[in-house]
Protein backbone atom coordinates (compact mmCIF):
# COMPACT_ATOMS: atom_id res chain seq x y z
CA MET A 1 0.07 0.01 -0.01
CA ILE A 2 1.39 3.44 -0.92
CA ASP A 3 2.02 5.89 1.83
CA TYR A 4 0.66 9.02 0.11
CA VAL A 5 1.57 11.47 2.83
CA ALA A 6 5.15 10.25 2.86
CA ALA A 7 5.14 10.61 -0.96
CA VAL A 8 3.99 14.07 -0.99
CA ALA A 9 6.81 14.94 1.71
CA ALA A 10 9.46 13.01 -0.26
CA GLU A 11 8.57 14.56 -3.61
CA SER A 12 8.22 17.88 -2.32
CA ASP A 13 11.68 17.64 -0.75
CA HIS A 14 13.10 16.57 -4.06
CA PHE A 15 11.20 19.55 -5.83
CA ARG A 16 12.83 21.97 -3.12
CA ARG A 17 16.36 20.80 -3.53
CA SER A 18 16.05 20.93 -7.31
CA VAL A 19 14.63 24.50 -7.27
CA THR A 20 17.31 25.80 -4.80
CA ARG A 21 20.06 24.47 -6.88
CA GLY A 22 18.46 26.13 -10.19
CA ARG A 23 17.79 29.35 -8.45
CA ALA A 24 21.28 29.66 -7.15
CA GLU A 25 23.37 28.32 -9.94
CA ALA A 26 21.56 28.71 -13.33
CA THR A 27 21.34 32.22 -15.07
CA THR A 28 18.13 31.24 -16.96
CA THR A 29 15.69 28.22 -16.59
CA THR A 30 12.84 27.30 -18.71
CA VAL A 31 10.29 24.49 -17.51
CA PRO A 32 10.21 22.24 -20.73
CA ALA A 33 6.57 21.10 -20.08
CA CYS A 34 5.44 24.60 -19.46
CA PRO A 35 7.73 26.75 -21.72
CA ASP A 36 6.25 30.06 -20.51
CA TRP A 37 7.38 29.42 -16.93
CA ASP A 38 10.74 29.86 -15.37
CA LEU A 39 11.66 28.19 -11.92
CA ASP A 40 10.13 31.01 -10.07
CA ASP A 41 6.85 30.49 -11.86
CA LEU A 42 6.88 26.65 -11.04
CA LEU A 43 7.74 27.38 -7.38
CA TRP A 44 4.93 29.77 -7.00
CA HIS A 45 2.62 27.34 -8.67
CA LEU A 46 3.31 24.18 -6.41
CA THR A 47 3.21 26.73 -3.42
CA GLU A 48 -0.18 27.85 -4.41
CA VAL A 49 -1.39 24.26 -4.98
CA GLN A 50 -0.12 22.98 -1.62
CA GLY A 51 -1.25 25.83 0.29
CA PHE A 52 -4.73 25.66 -1.28
CA TRP A 53 -5.10 21.94 -0.14
CA ALA A 54 -3.54 22.54 2.99
CA GLU A 55 -6.51 24.84 3.86
CA VAL A 56 -9.20 22.86 2.22
CA VAL A 57 -7.93 19.70 4.31
CA GLY A 58 -6.95 21.42 7.56
CA GLU A 59 -10.09 23.10 7.84
CA ARG A 60 -12.19 20.45 6.16
CA LEU A 61 -13.77 22.99 3.93
CA PRO A 62 -17.16 21.64 2.49
CA ASP A 63 -16.96 24.45 -0.31
CA LEU A 64 -14.82 27.34 -1.17
CA SER A 65 -17.04 30.19 0.07
CA THR A 66 -14.32 31.22 2.71
CA PHE A 67 -11.20 30.53 0.75
CA GLU A 68 -9.05 33.63 -0.23
CA ARG A 69 -6.46 33.16 -2.94
CA ALA A 70 -2.94 33.86 -1.88
CA ILE A 71 -0.92 36.70 -3.29
CA ARG A 72 2.37 35.91 -4.97
CA PRO A 73 5.40 37.32 -2.92
CA GLU A 74 8.56 39.05 -4.27
CA PRO A 75 11.25 36.59 -5.60
CA ALA A 76 13.14 36.70 -2.32
CA GLY A 77 10.00 35.41 -0.46
CA LEU A 78 9.07 32.39 -2.74
CA ALA A 79 11.31 29.71 -1.20
CA ALA A 80 10.03 30.42 2.41
CA GLY A 81 6.41 30.62 1.17
CA PHE A 82 6.91 27.19 -0.38
CA GLU A 83 8.28 25.74 2.83
CA GLU A 84 5.41 27.07 4.87
CA ALA A 85 2.79 25.76 2.37
CA SER A 86 4.29 22.39 1.92
CA SER A 87 4.82 21.80 5.64
CA ARG A 88 1.18 22.89 6.36
CA LEU A 89 0.00 20.30 3.81
CA VAL A 90 1.96 17.41 4.98
CA ALA A 91 0.62 18.18 8.44
CA ALA A 92 -2.81 18.52 7.45
CA LEU A 93 -2.79 15.34 5.47
CA GLY A 94 -1.07 13.37 8.11
CA ASP A 95 -3.41 14.67 11.04
CA ALA A 96 -6.46 13.81 9.19
CA GLU A 97 -8.24 10.44 8.45
CA PRO A 98 -8.51 9.15 4.87
CA ASP A 99 -12.30 9.05 5.18
CA ASP A 100 -12.70 12.50 6.44
CA ALA A 101 -14.90 14.66 4.21
CA CYS A 102 -13.62 17.81 2.32
CA TRP A 103 -14.17 19.70 -0.72
CA SER A 104 -12.74 18.66 -4.38
CA TRP A 105 -13.44 19.48 -7.87
CA HIS A 106 -14.09 15.69 -8.59
CA PRO A 107 -17.50 14.19 -7.84
CA ASP A 108 -15.84 11.16 -6.36
CA GLY A 109 -13.24 12.93 -4.67
CA GLN A 110 -14.87 14.42 -1.64
CA SER A 111 -12.34 12.86 0.98
CA VAL A 112 -8.91 13.50 2.50
CA GLY A 113 -7.74 10.10 0.95
CA TRP A 114 -8.60 11.40 -2.51
CA VAL A 115 -6.58 14.54 -1.71
CA ARG A 116 -3.55 12.63 -0.53
CA ARG A 117 -3.46 10.68 -3.71
CA ARG A 118 -3.79 13.68 -6.05
CA GLN A 119 -1.15 15.86 -4.11
CA ALA A 120 1.33 12.84 -4.19
CA HIS A 121 1.24 12.75 -8.02
CA GLU A 122 1.04 16.61 -8.26
CA ALA A 123 4.32 16.72 -6.17
CA LEU A 124 5.99 14.07 -8.17
CA ILE A 125 5.09 15.64 -11.64
CA HIS A 126 6.27 19.06 -10.73
CA ARG A 127 9.53 17.74 -9.24
CA VAL A 128 10.16 16.03 -12.46
CA ASP A 129 9.46 19.57 -13.95
CA ALA A 130 11.92 21.24 -11.75
CA GLU A 131 14.47 18.46 -12.21
CA GLN A 132 14.22 18.73 -16.17
CA ALA A 133 14.37 22.52 -16.17
CA VAL A 134 17.53 22.49 -13.92
CA ASN A 135 19.32 19.51 -15.60
CA ALA A 136 18.80 21.25 -19.12
CA ALA A 137 20.67 24.32 -17.57
CA LEU A 138 23.06 22.58 -15.28
CA GLY A 139 23.37 18.92 -16.32
CA GLY A 140 22.06 16.00 -14.23
CA SER A 141 19.58 13.21 -14.46
CA LEU A 142 15.97 12.68 -12.92
CA SER A 143 15.93 11.20 -9.40
CA PRO A 144 14.55 7.63 -9.35
CA ILE A 145 10.90 7.31 -9.29
CA ASP A 146 9.06 4.64 -7.21
CA ALA A 147 7.59 2.14 -9.65
CA ARG A 148 4.43 1.49 -7.49
CA LEU A 149 3.81 5.26 -7.14
CA ALA A 150 4.37 5.73 -10.94
CA ALA A 151 1.90 2.84 -11.73
CA ASP A 152 -0.57 4.31 -9.46
CA GLY A 153 0.11 7.85 -11.19
CA VAL A 154 -0.81 6.15 -14.62
CA ASP A 155 -3.98 4.76 -12.91
CA GLU A 156 -4.87 8.27 -11.28
CA LEU A 157 -4.42 10.04 -14.61
CA LEU A 158 -6.51 7.79 -16.61
CA ARG A 159 -9.39 7.34 -14.26
CA VAL A 160 -9.53 10.40 -12.43
CA MET A 161 -8.13 13.13 -14.94
CA LEU A 162 -9.17 11.76 -18.08
CA ASP A 163 -11.98 9.18 -18.04
CA VAL A 164 -15.29 10.44 -19.55
CA ARG A 165 -17.14 8.89 -16.65
CA PRO A 166 -19.44 10.13 -15.17
CA VAL A 167 -20.95 11.37 -18.27
CA PRO A 168 -22.65 14.70 -18.04
CA GLU A 169 -26.33 14.58 -18.48
CA TRP A 170 -26.14 16.93 -21.44
CA ALA A 171 -23.78 14.75 -23.30
CA THR A 172 -23.63 11.47 -25.24
CA TRP A 173 -20.65 9.12 -24.95
CA GLN A 174 -19.73 7.33 -28.27
CA PRO A 175 -16.87 4.72 -27.67
CA ALA A 176 -16.46 3.93 -31.22
CA GLY A 177 -12.79 4.66 -31.42
CA PRO A 178 -9.71 2.15 -31.15
CA LEU A 179 -8.81 0.18 -27.93
CA VAL A 180 -5.38 1.02 -26.54
CA ARG A 181 -3.87 -1.22 -24.03
CA LEU A 182 -1.11 0.10 -21.56
CA GLU A 183 1.08 -2.13 -19.56
CA ALA A 184 3.37 -0.77 -16.78
CA VAL A 185 6.18 -2.97 -15.79
CA LEU A 186 6.89 -2.66 -12.23
CA GLU A 187 10.78 -3.06 -11.99
CA GLY A 188 13.99 -1.65 -11.07
CA THR A 189 13.06 1.50 -9.06
CA ASP A 190 11.46 0.20 -5.99
CA GLY A 191 13.55 -2.85 -5.17
CA ASP A 192 11.02 -5.41 -5.12
CA GLY A 193 8.93 -5.41 -8.48
CA ALA A 194 11.49 -7.11 -10.83
CA GLY A 195 9.93 -9.95 -12.37
CA SER A 196 6.31 -9.01 -11.40
CA SER A 197 3.22 -9.06 -13.84
CA PRO A 198 2.55 -5.90 -15.57
CA THR A 199 -0.28 -3.60 -14.44
CA THR A 200 -2.63 -3.35 -17.25
CA TRP A 201 -5.27 -0.61 -18.47
CA ASP A 202 -7.64 -0.88 -21.63
CA VAL A 203 -8.66 2.56 -22.93
CA ARG A 204 -11.38 3.00 -25.32
CA LEU A 205 -11.04 6.25 -27.46
CA GLY A 206 -14.33 7.88 -28.51
CA ARG A 207 -16.14 11.13 -28.68
CA LEU A 208 -18.24 13.28 -26.29
CA THR A 209 -20.97 15.27 -27.96
CA GLY A 210 -23.95 17.40 -27.04
CA ILE A 211 -24.96 20.80 -26.05
CA GLU A 212 -23.37 22.03 -22.84
CA PRO A 213 -25.73 24.56 -21.04
CA SER A 214 -24.28 27.94 -20.26
CA ALA A 215 -23.87 28.80 -16.53
CA SER A 216 -26.64 31.60 -16.92
CA GLY A 217 -29.11 28.86 -18.27
CA ASP A 218 -29.51 30.89 -21.44
CA GLY A 219 -28.62 28.71 -24.51
CA GLY A 220 -25.35 26.40 -24.61
CA THR A 221 -22.30 25.46 -26.54
CA GLU A 222 -22.18 22.62 -28.93
CA ARG A 223 -19.60 20.15 -27.90
CA ASP A 224 -17.63 17.37 -30.11
CA LEU A 225 -14.64 16.31 -28.02
CA GLY A 226 -12.15 13.61 -28.06
CA ALA A 227 -12.33 11.49 -24.89
CA ILE A 228 -11.62 8.10 -23.28
CA GLU A 229 -13.10 5.64 -21.12
CA VAL A 230 -10.99 3.21 -19.05
CA LEU A 231 -12.49 -0.24 -19.34
CA ASP A 232 -13.36 -1.89 -16.03
CA GLU A 233 -12.25 -5.42 -17.20
CA PRO A 234 -9.08 -5.15 -19.19
CA GLY A 235 -8.40 -8.18 -21.55
CA SER A 236 -11.98 -8.75 -22.61
CA ALA A 237 -11.48 -7.52 -25.96
CA PRO A 238 -8.22 -7.48 -28.24
CA PRO A 239 -6.54 -4.14 -28.52
CA ASP A 240 -5.84 -2.20 -31.48
CA ALA A 241 -2.62 -0.99 -29.97
CA LEU A 242 -0.27 -2.11 -27.20
CA VAL A 243 2.30 0.20 -25.16
CA ARG A 244 4.48 -1.56 -22.67
CA ALA A 245 7.07 0.26 -20.64
CA PRO A 246 8.45 0.61 -17.04
CA ALA A 247 6.01 2.30 -14.81
CA ALA A 248 7.79 5.51 -14.46
CA GLU A 249 8.51 6.01 -18.14
CA LEU A 250 4.64 5.37 -18.93
CA ASP A 251 3.69 7.87 -16.15
CA LEU A 252 5.95 10.62 -17.44
CA TRP A 253 5.05 9.74 -21.08
CA LEU A 254 1.29 10.12 -20.32
CA TRP A 255 1.81 13.26 -18.59
CA ARG A 256 3.62 14.41 -21.53
CA ARG A 257 6.97 14.89 -19.65
CA LEU A 258 8.78 12.47 -21.91
CA PRO A 259 8.34 11.72 -25.51
CA ILE A 260 7.72 8.18 -26.23
CA GLU A 261 11.00 8.20 -28.25
CA ALA A 262 12.86 9.01 -24.98
CA THR A 263 11.62 5.94 -23.32
CA THR A 264 12.20 2.23 -23.59
CA ALA A 265 8.43 1.60 -24.44
CA THR A 266 7.40 -0.82 -27.17
CA VAL A 267 4.60 0.05 -29.34
CA ASP A 268 2.69 -2.53 -31.24
CA GLY A 269 -0.37 -2.17 -33.51
CA ASP A 270 -1.86 1.20 -34.49
CA ARG A 271 0.45 3.84 -33.73
CA SER A 272 -2.13 6.61 -34.41
CA ALA A 273 -4.32 5.45 -31.87
CA VAL A 274 -1.37 5.73 -29.36
CA ASP A 275 -0.83 9.17 -30.69
CA ARG A 276 -4.33 10.21 -30.37
CA LEU A 277 -4.33 8.73 -26.71
CA VAL A 278 -1.47 11.02 -25.41
CA GLU A 279 -2.79 14.02 -27.24
CA LEU A 280 -5.87 13.98 -24.72
CA ALA A 281 -3.48 14.11 -21.83
CA THR A 282 -2.75 17.79 -22.03
CA LEU A 283 -2.83 18.45 -18.33
CA ASP A 284 -0.14 20.63 -16.55
């Protein structure tokens, strides 16, 4: 079982050390996954995110009616602001019970346990952003990524961030696209996964169509969007394409932090279906 609170703390520490190095030693830094950002922008972003969830969890907020957005400090105050926000988040997550209720933007995410998982992967991906930015300027390589955490990251991205379900009342889901199978191999980074069976997801591509009502209730906007559904029973149908890779590489590829050409992934079958899948993973 993954200790998400420990993962938030560890990944945040990796992030802090990488950002500290970059801000001290590099003249310029650009975050490859977010090219409009430098390290200060990335540092403030994770500060905002962790401070926000520290308050949501710490106060068990049922909604955001009392939440006040933080103001970005001057550059000299960014590091201290991150330390404070990150420490508050780890403490709040650790002091709460997973089943404690709190607000989230996801219909199935109204609990501290959901926030723990989401923030573990938020910290992981953004520490990769920091390391990629600093390594591009100063040299170096990515810190190891725990294979079980990475495989869980693939699952969270697919099921929480990308899965079309629950389908909105105004929309129709048309699962007429190709089926892509993803296999994450758990080996090499956590010390006990070598030789284990891969974790598998079957992902059906399709389209979400309908007229989305406006917030005012006056009219609406016609939608025709590419979307995915993660099948509950992988292996029930032959895939049109199969991607197999170490869990960490699969996670970073789906988060668009690594091109597939920079991984050891094998791709069999319809490569266009694989390309369409990763195009849908456009989250920052």
